[in-house]
Amino acid sequence: MVSRNTSSAYGSVAKWLHWLAAIGIFMLIWLGLQQAGMERGPEKVEVRALHASVALIVLALMTVRLVWRFLNGVPAHPDGMPGWQRITSTLVHWGLYISVFVQLISGAITVASGGNPLPFFGLFSIALPIVENDESHEFWEEIHEFSWIIIAVFLALHVLGALYNHFVLKNDVLRRMTIGVPKGP
């Protein structure tokens, strides 16, 4: 398997970064919803610490993924794809990138403005240079609590678009991020 992207398919690096980030994002949504329904106490503190730890991994993956995308490019849209689909695809991809970074950064600022460092699986903590401030904490917490909904909408559009391309248009859009594009004759 080729590590770099080609004009028709994603390479192994992009695929690994995509799927690891996707797993992490789904874990974060699940952990976030779990803790939202929990009462204060040690169990909620544990779930929050796990949520923060996974978020740091996703932040690293997404940062590497974005750098890889700029340095490596992406496969071209399929031949014959209408302009509106090309624009929609691009907007959904960038909407996902932006909303995920807003979510991750707002979560980190929420923790820091609440006077806490960011824990990483009990191994160490990262103290951000942000002053504890209740007003700031509330603001960033609201951004964090709302932005997952935007991510969920973009994720749904992303998945539906991939499935539409695969099953209705019968092109290689989904295959290029999964099993690969079949070689021509």
Protein backbone atom coordinates (compact mmCIF):
# COMPACT_ATOMS: atom_id res chain seq x y z
CA MET A 1 0.00 0.00 0.00
CA VAL A 2 1.32 3.43 -0.96
CA SER A 3 1.78 5.85 1.94
CA ARG A 4 1.19 9.04 -0.06
CA ASN A 5 -2.02 10.10 -1.74
CA THR A 6 -2.38 9.81 -5.50
CA SER A 7 -4.65 11.66 -7.88
CA SER A 8 -7.23 8.86 -7.55
CA ALA A 9 -6.87 7.46 -3.99
CA TYR A 10 -5.75 8.23 -0.47
CA GLY A 11 -2.52 6.67 0.76
CA SER A 12 -2.14 4.62 3.93
CA VAL A 13 -1.11 7.61 6.06
CA ALA A 14 -4.25 9.59 5.20
CA LYS A 15 -6.43 6.51 5.72
CA TRP A 16 -4.96 5.74 9.14
CA LEU A 17 -5.26 9.37 10.24
CA HIS A 18 -8.85 9.53 8.97
CA TRP A 19 -10.06 6.36 10.67
CA LEU A 20 -8.19 6.89 13.96
CA ALA A 21 -9.56 10.45 14.18
CA ALA A 22 -13.06 9.18 13.33
CA ILE A 23 -12.90 6.56 16.10
CA GLY A 24 -11.64 9.22 18.51
CA ILE A 25 -14.39 11.68 17.57
CA PHE A 26 -17.10 9.06 18.04
CA MET A 27 -15.57 8.15 21.42
CA LEU A 28 -15.58 11.82 22.43
CA ILE A 29 -19.21 12.27 21.46
CA TRP A 30 -20.16 9.13 23.40
CA LEU A 31 -18.10 10.10 26.48
CA GLY A 32 -19.48 13.65 26.34
CA LEU A 33 -23.06 12.39 26.29
CA GLN A 34 -22.27 9.92 29.10
CA GLN A 35 -20.91 12.59 31.41
CA ALA A 36 -23.72 15.02 30.60
CA GLY A 37 -26.18 12.69 32.28
CA MET A 38 -24.03 11.88 35.32
CA GLU A 39 -24.25 13.37 38.77
CA ARG A 40 -21.17 15.02 40.26
CA GLY A 41 -18.78 12.59 41.85
CA PRO A 42 -15.70 10.45 41.31
CA GLU A 43 -17.23 8.47 38.42
CA LYS A 44 -17.96 11.67 36.49
CA VAL A 45 -14.44 12.94 37.20
CA GLU A 46 -13.05 9.69 35.72
CA VAL A 47 -15.18 9.97 32.59
CA ARG A 48 -14.18 13.63 32.17
CA ALA A 49 -10.50 12.75 32.53
CA LEU A 50 -10.86 10.02 29.91
CA HIS A 51 -12.74 12.45 27.65
CA ALA A 52 -9.95 15.03 27.99
CA SER A 53 -7.24 12.42 27.37
CA VAL A 54 -8.89 11.14 24.19
CA ALA A 55 -9.44 14.75 23.09
CA LEU A 56 -5.70 15.41 23.29
CA ILE A 57 -5.05 12.40 21.06
CA VAL A 58 -7.70 13.54 18.58
CA LEU A 59 -6.21 17.05 18.59
CA ALA A 60 -2.80 15.59 17.70
CA LEU A 61 -4.30 13.33 15.01
CA MET A 62 -6.33 16.14 13.46
CA THR A 63 -3.33 18.48 13.46
CA VAL A 64 -1.14 15.88 11.75
CA ARG A 65 -3.98 15.09 9.38
CA LEU A 66 -4.40 18.73 8.38
CA VAL A 67 -0.65 19.18 7.87
CA TRP A 68 -0.56 15.95 5.82
CA ARG A 69 -3.44 17.22 3.69
CA PHE A 70 -1.63 20.48 2.92
CA LEU A 71 1.70 18.79 2.21
CA ASN A 72 0.30 15.85 0.29
CA GLY A 73 -2.87 17.01 -1.44
CA VAL A 74 -6.03 15.00 -1.90
CA PRO A 75 -7.40 12.90 -4.75
CA ALA A 76 -9.38 14.74 -7.39
CA HIS A 77 -13.15 14.59 -7.44
CA PRO A 78 -14.47 11.85 -9.75
CA ASP A 79 -14.79 12.76 -13.43
CA GLY A 80 -18.25 14.01 -14.27
CA MET A 81 -19.14 15.04 -10.70
CA PRO A 82 -21.41 18.10 -10.91
CA GLY A 83 -20.06 21.39 -9.57
CA TRP A 84 -22.59 21.57 -6.75
CA GLN A 85 -21.44 18.17 -5.45
CA ARG A 86 -17.79 19.23 -5.61
CA ILE A 87 -18.57 22.40 -3.66
CA THR A 88 -20.73 20.52 -1.14
CA SER A 89 -18.02 17.90 -0.62
CA THR A 90 -15.38 20.58 -0.04
CA LEU A 91 -17.62 22.55 2.34
CA VAL A 92 -18.49 19.45 4.36
CA HIS A 93 -14.83 18.42 4.68
CA TRP A 94 -13.73 21.89 5.79
CA GLY A 95 -16.79 22.24 8.01
CA LEU A 96 -15.75 19.02 9.75
CA TYR A 97 -12.18 20.21 10.20
CA ILE A 98 -13.22 23.60 11.57
CA SER A 99 -15.98 22.32 13.86
CA VAL A 100 -13.75 19.56 15.29
CA PHE A 101 -10.98 22.07 16.04
CA VAL A 102 -13.52 24.48 17.60
CA GLN A 103 -14.82 21.60 19.73
CA LEU A 104 -11.36 20.49 20.86
CA ILE A 105 -10.06 23.98 21.58
CA SER A 106 -13.23 25.10 23.35
CA GLY A 107 -13.05 21.99 25.54
CA ALA A 108 -9.43 22.70 26.48
CA ILE A 109 -10.22 26.35 27.27
CA THR A 110 -13.27 25.27 29.30
CA VAL A 111 -11.09 23.02 31.46
CA ALA A 112 -8.32 25.62 31.81
CA SER A 113 -10.64 28.54 32.57
CA GLY A 114 -12.18 26.34 35.25
CA GLY A 115 -8.77 26.28 36.94
CA ASN A 116 -7.74 22.76 35.91
CA PRO A 117 -4.95 21.28 33.80
CA LEU A 118 -5.71 18.88 30.94
CA PRO A 119 -5.13 15.31 32.13
CA PHE A 120 -3.57 12.65 29.91
CA PHE A 121 -4.55 9.16 31.13
CA GLY A 122 -3.19 9.87 34.61
CA LEU A 123 0.36 10.02 33.21
CA PHE A 124 0.74 13.80 33.22
CA SER A 125 -1.29 16.99 32.93
CA ILE A 126 -0.92 19.99 30.66
CA ALA A 127 -1.54 23.35 32.30
CA LEU A 128 -2.61 25.93 29.73
CA PRO A 129 -1.61 29.56 30.32
CA ILE A 130 -5.23 30.62 30.85
CA VAL A 131 -6.41 32.45 33.95
CA GLU A 132 -9.25 30.86 35.91
CA ASN A 133 -12.37 32.88 35.17
CA ASP A 134 -16.00 31.87 35.75
CA GLU A 135 -17.39 34.05 32.97
CA SER A 136 -14.88 32.75 30.42
CA HIS A 137 -15.46 29.21 31.65
CA GLU A 138 -19.22 29.49 31.10
CA PHE A 139 -18.76 31.01 27.64
CA TRP A 140 -16.39 28.28 26.41
CA GLU A 141 -18.46 25.56 28.02
CA GLU A 142 -21.50 26.70 26.03
CA ILE A 143 -19.46 26.73 22.80
CA HIS A 144 -18.19 23.23 23.64
CA GLU A 145 -21.65 21.90 24.49
CA PHE A 146 -23.15 23.28 21.27
CA SER A 147 -20.42 22.54 18.73
CA TRP A 148 -20.75 18.75 18.97
CA ILE A 149 -24.16 19.14 17.31
CA ILE A 150 -22.52 20.91 14.36
CA ILE A 151 -19.97 18.08 14.17
CA ALA A 152 -22.79 15.51 14.20
CA VAL A 153 -24.50 17.29 11.29
CA PHE A 154 -21.28 17.42 9.25
CA LEU A 155 -20.53 13.77 10.11
CA ALA A 156 -23.98 12.74 8.93
CA LEU A 157 -23.55 14.67 5.67
CA HIS A 158 -20.06 13.17 5.21
CA VAL A 159 -21.25 9.59 5.72
CA LEU A 160 -24.40 10.07 3.62
CA GLY A 161 -22.32 11.64 0.84
CA ALA A 162 -19.88 8.71 0.84
CA LEU A 163 -22.74 6.18 0.79
CA TYR A 164 -24.57 8.12 -1.95
CA ASN A 165 -21.41 8.11 -4.09
CA HIS A 166 -20.87 4.40 -3.48
CA PHE A 167 -24.38 2.99 -3.84
CA VAL A 168 -26.16 5.48 -6.10
CA LEU A 169 -23.44 7.00 -8.26
CA LYS A 170 -21.32 3.82 -8.07
CA ASN A 171 -18.00 5.65 -8.12
CA ASP A 172 -14.79 5.12 -6.12
CA VAL A 173 -15.20 7.91 -3.55
CA LEU A 174 -15.80 5.53 -0.63
CA ARG A 175 -13.28 2.92 -1.80
CA ARG A 176 -10.45 5.41 -1.92
CA MET A 177 -10.69 5.92 1.87
CA THR A 178 -11.37 2.25 2.67
CA ILE A 179 -10.27 -0.80 0.67
CA GLY A 180 -8.70 1.12 -2.19
CA VAL A 181 -9.52 1.76 -5.78
CA PRO A 182 -9.30 -1.25 -8.09
CA LYS A 183 -6.51 -1.13 -10.64
CA GLY A 184 -7.60 -0.60 -14.21
CA PRO A 185 -7.08 -3.25 -16.95
